[in-house]
C-alpha cells in the first residue's frame, strides 16, 4: 500500500506559486521539483503560523 497526501486548493495554489517563482510550469515540472516546491510552501506556512511579533 502506498502513501499519498490529499492536497486542498490552498495548498496546491501555494505549491504552484512556488514553482512559478522559480520559473517552472506546474504542468511540466518534474516530480522532484513539485516535491521541493511543496516542501518550501509547507515550511513557509509553518513559519508564518509560529511567527511571534
PDB file of N, CA and C in Angstrom:
ATOM      1  N   UNK A   1       0.852  -1.177   0.000  1.00  0.00           N
ATOM      2  CA  UNK A   1       0.000   0.000   0.000  1.00  0.00           C
ATOM      3  C   UNK A   1       0.896   1.237   0.000  1.00  0.00           C
ATOM      4  N   UNK A   2       0.587   2.182  -0.848  1.00  0.00           N
ATOM      5  CA  UNK A   2       1.416   3.393  -0.931  1.00  0.00           C
ATOM      6  C   UNK A   2       0.779   4.534  -0.148  1.00  0.00           C
ATOM      7  N   UNK A   3       1.615   5.442   0.267  1.00  0.00           N
ATOM      8  CA  UNK A   3       1.151   6.624   0.995  1.00  0.00           C
ATOM      9  C   UNK A   3       1.000   7.776   0.020  1.00  0.00           C
ATOM     10  N   UNK A   4       0.020   8.605   0.244  1.00  0.00           N
ATOM     11  CA  UNK A   4      -0.151   9.790  -0.578  1.00  0.00           C
ATOM     12  C   UNK A   4      -0.799  10.873   0.253  1.00  0.00           C
ATOM     13  N   UNK A   5      -0.605  12.122  -0.191  1.00  0.00           N
ATOM     14  CA  UNK A   5      -1.132  13.268   0.527  1.00  0.00           C
ATOM     15  C   UNK A   5      -2.247  13.888  -0.305  1.00  0.00           C
ATOM     16  N   UNK A   6      -3.405  14.079   0.308  1.00  0.00           N
ATOM     17  CA  UNK A   6      -4.513  14.747  -0.354  1.00  0.00           C
ATOM     18  C   UNK A   6      -4.340  16.241  -0.123  1.00  0.00           C
ATOM     19  N   UNK A   7      -4.244  16.981  -1.222  1.00  0.00           N
ATOM     20  CA  UNK A   7      -3.992  18.420  -1.114  1.00  0.00           C
ATOM     21  C   UNK A   7      -5.282  19.193  -1.326  1.00  0.00           C
ATOM     22  N   UNK A   8      -5.472  20.221  -0.518  1.00  0.00           N
ATOM     23  CA  UNK A   8      -6.605  21.091  -0.741  1.00  0.00           C
ATOM     24  C   UNK A   8      -6.194  22.185  -1.722  1.00  0.00           C
ATOM     25  N   UNK A   9      -7.139  22.989  -2.152  1.00  0.00           N
ATOM     26  CA  UNK A   9      -6.868  24.010  -3.161  1.00  0.00           C
ATOM     27  C   UNK A   9      -5.836  25.028  -2.698  1.00  0.00           C
ATOM     28  N   UNK A  10      -5.915  25.439  -1.442  1.00  0.00           N
ATOM     29  CA  UNK A  10      -4.974  26.427  -0.914  1.00  0.00           C
ATOM     30  C   UNK A  10      -3.540  25.897  -0.972  1.00  0.00           C
ATOM     31  N   UNK A  11      -3.376  24.659  -0.620  1.00  0.00           N
ATOM     32  CA  UNK A  11      -2.055  24.039  -0.637  1.00  0.00           C
ATOM     33  C   UNK A  11      -1.523  23.912  -2.063  1.00  0.00           C
ATOM     34  N   UNK A  12      -2.390  23.533  -2.986  1.00  0.00           N
ATOM     35  CA  UNK A  12      -1.999  23.430  -4.398  1.00  0.00           C
ATOM     36  C   UNK A  12      -1.605  24.792  -4.955  1.00  0.00           C
ATOM     37  N   UNK A  13      -2.332  25.827  -4.577  1.00  0.00           N
ATOM     38  CA  UNK A  13      -2.024  27.174  -5.063  1.00  0.00           C
ATOM     39  C   UNK A  13      -0.662  27.642  -4.556  1.00  0.00           C
ATOM     40  N   UNK A  14      -0.350  27.352  -3.302  1.00  0.00           N
ATOM     41  CA  UNK A  14       0.957  27.727  -2.758  1.00  0.00           C
ATOM     42  C   UNK A  14       2.074  27.004  -3.506  1.00  0.00           C
ATOM     43  N   UNK A  15       1.879  25.719  -3.776  1.00  0.00           N
ATOM     44  CA  UNK A  15       2.875  24.927  -4.498  1.00  0.00           C
ATOM     45  C   UNK A  15       3.059  25.471  -5.918  1.00  0.00           C
ATOM     46  N   UNK A  16       1.967  25.772  -6.595  1.00  0.00           N
ATOM     47  CA  UNK A  16       2.046  26.307  -7.950  1.00  0.00           C
ATOM     48  C   UNK A  16       2.739  27.667  -7.971  1.00  0.00           C
ATOM     49  N   UNK A  17       2.504  28.494  -6.947  1.00  0.00           N
ATOM     50  CA  UNK A  17       3.147  29.809  -6.879  1.00  0.00           C
ATOM     51  C   UNK A  17       4.650  29.661  -6.679  1.00  0.00           C
ATOM     52  N   UNK A  18       5.061  28.736  -5.843  1.00  0.00           N
ATOM     53  CA  UNK A  18       6.490  28.495  -5.632  1.00  0.00           C
ATOM     54  C   UNK A  18       7.134  28.055  -6.942  1.00  0.00           C
ATOM     55  N   UNK A  19       6.499  27.127  -7.657  1.00  0.00           N
ATOM     56  CA  UNK A  19       7.035  26.679  -8.942  1.00  0.00           C
ATOM     57  C   UNK A  19       7.147  27.854  -9.917  1.00  0.00           C
ATOM     58  N   UNK A  20       6.119  28.675  -9.957  1.00  0.00           N
ATOM     59  CA  UNK A  20       6.116  29.840 -10.845  1.00  0.00           C
ATOM     60  C   UNK A  20       7.241  30.793 -10.477  1.00  0.00           C
ATOM     61  N   UNK A  21       7.455  31.018  -9.190  1.00  0.00           N
ATOM     62  CA  UNK A  21       8.518  31.905  -8.726  1.00  0.00           C
ATOM     63  C   UNK A  21       9.897  31.409  -9.161  1.00  0.00           C
ATOM     64  N   UNK A  22      10.051  30.100  -9.285  1.00  0.00           N
ATOM     65  CA  UNK A  22      11.322  29.524  -9.715  1.00  0.00           C
ATOM     66  C   UNK A  22      11.356  29.234 -11.218  1.00  0.00           C
ATOM     67  N   UNK A  23      10.377  29.762 -11.952  1.00  0.00           N
ATOM     68  CA  UNK A  23      10.376  29.636 -13.408  1.00  0.00           C
ATOM     69  C   UNK A  23       9.944  28.285 -13.935  1.00  0.00           C
ATOM     70  N   UNK A  24       9.160  27.560 -13.169  1.00  0.00           N
ATOM     71  CA  UNK A  24       8.671  26.241 -13.583  1.00  0.00           C
ATOM     72  C   UNK A  24       7.179  26.306 -13.862  1.00  0.00           C
ATOM     73  N   UNK A  25       6.729  25.482 -14.763  1.00  0.00           N
ATOM     74  CA  UNK A  25       5.310  25.338 -15.042  1.00  0.00           C
ATOM     75  C   UNK A  25       4.814  24.146 -14.235  1.00  0.00           C
ATOM     76  N   UNK A  26       3.726  24.317 -13.496  1.00  0.00           N
ATOM     77  CA  UNK A  26       3.242  23.231 -12.636  1.00  0.00           C
ATOM     78  C   UNK A  26       2.802  22.006 -13.439  1.00  0.00           C
ATOM     79  N   UNK A  27       2.459  22.188 -14.710  1.00  0.00           N
ATOM     80  CA  UNK A  27       2.050  21.056 -15.550  1.00  0.00           C
ATOM     81  C   UNK A  27       3.241  20.268 -16.088  1.00  0.00           C
ATOM     82  N   UNK A  28       4.366  20.931 -16.288  1.00  0.00           N
ATOM     83  CA  UNK A  28       5.516  20.274 -16.895  1.00  0.00           C
ATOM     84  C   UNK A  28       6.675  20.053 -15.922  1.00  0.00           C
ATOM     85  N   UNK A  29       6.546  20.504 -14.700  1.00  0.00           N
ATOM     86  CA  UNK A  29       7.620  20.355 -13.710  1.00  0.00           C
ATOM     87  C   UNK A  29       7.812  18.880 -13.357  1.00  0.00           C
ATOM     88  N   UNK A  30       9.042  18.527 -13.043  1.00  0.00           N
ATOM     89  CA  UNK A  30       9.345  17.156 -12.651  1.00  0.00           C
ATOM     90  C   UNK A  30       8.760  16.863 -11.271  1.00  0.00           C
ATOM     91  N   UNK A  31       8.680  15.591 -10.963  1.00  0.00           N
ATOM     92  CA  UNK A  31       8.169  15.181  -9.656  1.00  0.00           C
ATOM     93  C   UNK A  31       9.047  15.750  -8.547  1.00  0.00           C
ATOM     94  N   UNK A  32      10.347  15.748  -8.779  1.00  0.00           N
ATOM     95  CA  UNK A  32      11.285  16.276  -7.799  1.00  0.00           C
ATOM     96  C   UNK A  32      11.053  17.768  -7.557  1.00  0.00           C
ATOM     97  N   UNK A  33      10.844  18.533  -8.620  1.00  0.00           N
ATOM     98  CA  UNK A  33      10.599  19.977  -8.493  1.00  0.00           C
ATOM     99  C   UNK A  33       9.300  20.232  -7.735  1.00  0.00           C
ATOM    100  N   UNK A  34       8.281  19.428  -8.011  1.00  0.00           N
ATOM    101  CA  UNK A  34       7.000  19.583  -7.318  1.00  0.00           C
ATOM    102  C   UNK A  34       7.143  19.277  -5.829  1.00  0.00           C
ATOM    103  N   UNK A  35       7.915  18.238  -5.508  1.00  0.00           N
ATOM    104  CA  UNK A  35       8.130  17.893  -4.105  1.00  0.00           C
ATOM    105  C   UNK A  35       8.895  18.990  -3.376  1.00  0.00           C
ATOM    106  N   UNK A  36       9.893  19.555  -4.041  1.00  0.00           N
ATOM    107  CA  UNK A  36      10.649  20.649  -3.437  1.00  0.00           C
ATOM    108  C   UNK A  36       9.755  21.864  -3.209  1.00  0.00           C
ATOM    109  N   UNK A  37       8.914  22.183  -4.193  1.00  0.00           N
ATOM    110  CA  UNK A  37       8.002  23.319  -4.058  1.00  0.00           C
ATOM    111  C   UNK A  37       7.016  23.084  -2.921  1.00  0.00           C
ATOM    112  N   UNK A  38       6.527  21.868  -2.812  1.00  0.00           N
ATOM    113  CA  UNK A  38       5.596  21.541  -1.726  1.00  0.00           C
ATOM    114  C   UNK A  38       6.285  21.702  -0.372  1.00  0.00           C
ATOM    115  N   UNK A  39       7.519  21.255  -0.273  1.00  0.00           N
ATOM    116  CA  UNK A  39       8.275  21.366   0.972  1.00  0.00           C
ATOM    117  C   UNK A  39       8.484  22.837   1.347  1.00  0.00           C
ATOM    118  N   UNK A  40       8.893  23.643   0.378  1.00  0.00           N
ATOM    119  CA  UNK A  40       9.116  25.069   0.623  1.00  0.00           C
ATOM    120  C   UNK A  40       7.824  25.741   1.066  1.00  0.00           C
ATOM    121  N   UNK A  41       6.729  25.433   0.379  1.00  0.00           N
ATOM    122  CA  UNK A  41       5.434  26.035   0.709  1.00  0.00           C
ATOM    123  C   UNK A  41       5.002  25.658   2.126  1.00  0.00           C
ATOM    124  N   UNK A  42       5.172  24.402   2.505  1.00  0.00           N
ATOM    125  CA  UNK A  42       4.763  23.962   3.837  1.00  0.00           C
ATOM    126  C   UNK A  42       5.636  24.570   4.928  1.00  0.00           C
ATOM    127  N   UNK A  43       6.939  24.622   4.696  1.00  0.00           N
ATOM    128  CA  UNK A  43       7.823  25.219   5.696  1.00  0.00           C
ATOM    129  C   UNK A  43       7.521  26.709   5.856  1.00  0.00           C
ATOM    130  N   UNK A  44       7.220  27.387   4.777  1.00  0.00           N
ATOM    131  CA  UNK A  44       6.871  28.806   4.833  1.00  0.00           C
ATOM    132  C   UNK A  44       5.604  29.003   5.650  1.00  0.00           C
ATOM    133  N   UNK A  45       4.596  28.179   5.425  1.00  0.00           N
ATOM    134  CA  UNK A  45       3.349  28.291   6.182  1.00  0.00           C
ATOM    135  C   UNK A  45       3.579  27.960   7.659  1.00  0.00           C
ATOM    136  N   UNK A  46       4.441  26.992   7.924  1.00  0.00           N
ATOM    137  CA  UNK A  46       4.752  26.640   9.309  1.00  0.00           C
ATOM    138  C   UNK A  46       5.396  27.824  10.029  1.00  0.00           C
ATOM    139  N   UNK A  47       6.310  28.494   9.371  1.00  0.00           N
ATOM    140  CA  UNK A  47       6.962  29.665   9.952  1.00  0.00           C
ATOM    141  C   UNK A  47       5.943  30.779  10.189  1.00  0.00           C
ATOM    142  N   UNK A  48       5.053  30.994   9.238  1.00  0.00           N
ATOM    143  CA  UNK A  48       4.016  32.032   9.392  1.00  0.00           C
ATOM    144  C   UNK A  48       3.096  31.727  10.558  1.00  0.00           C
ATOM    145  N   UNK A  49       2.741  30.457  10.739  1.00  0.00           N
ATOM    146  CA  UNK A  49       1.861  30.080  11.841  1.00  0.00           C
ATOM    147  C   UNK A  49       2.530  30.286  13.195  1.00  0.00           C
ATOM    148  N   UNK A  50       3.841  30.058  13.247  1.00  0.00           N
ATOM    149  CA  UNK A  50       4.561  30.133  14.507  1.00  0.00           C
ATOM    150  C   UNK A  50       5.222  31.482  14.737  1.00  0.00           C
ATOM    151  N   UNK A  51       5.009  32.417  13.860  1.00  0.00           N
ATOM    152  CA  UNK A  51       5.649  33.725  13.955  1.00  0.00           C
ATOM    153  C   UNK A  51       5.110  34.478  15.177  1.00  0.00           C
ATOM    154  N   UNK A  52       6.030  35.028  15.941  1.00  0.00           N
ATOM    155  CA  UNK A  52       5.644  35.809  17.113  1.00  0.00           C
ATOM    156  C   UNK A  52       6.161  37.215  16.925  1.00  0.00           C
ATOM    157  N   UNK A  53       5.291  38.171  17.119  1.00  0.00           N
ATOM    158  CA  UNK A  53       5.661  39.577  16.947  1.00  0.00           C
ATOM    159  C   UNK A  53       6.121  40.163  18.251  1.00  0.00           C
TER     160      UNK A  53
END
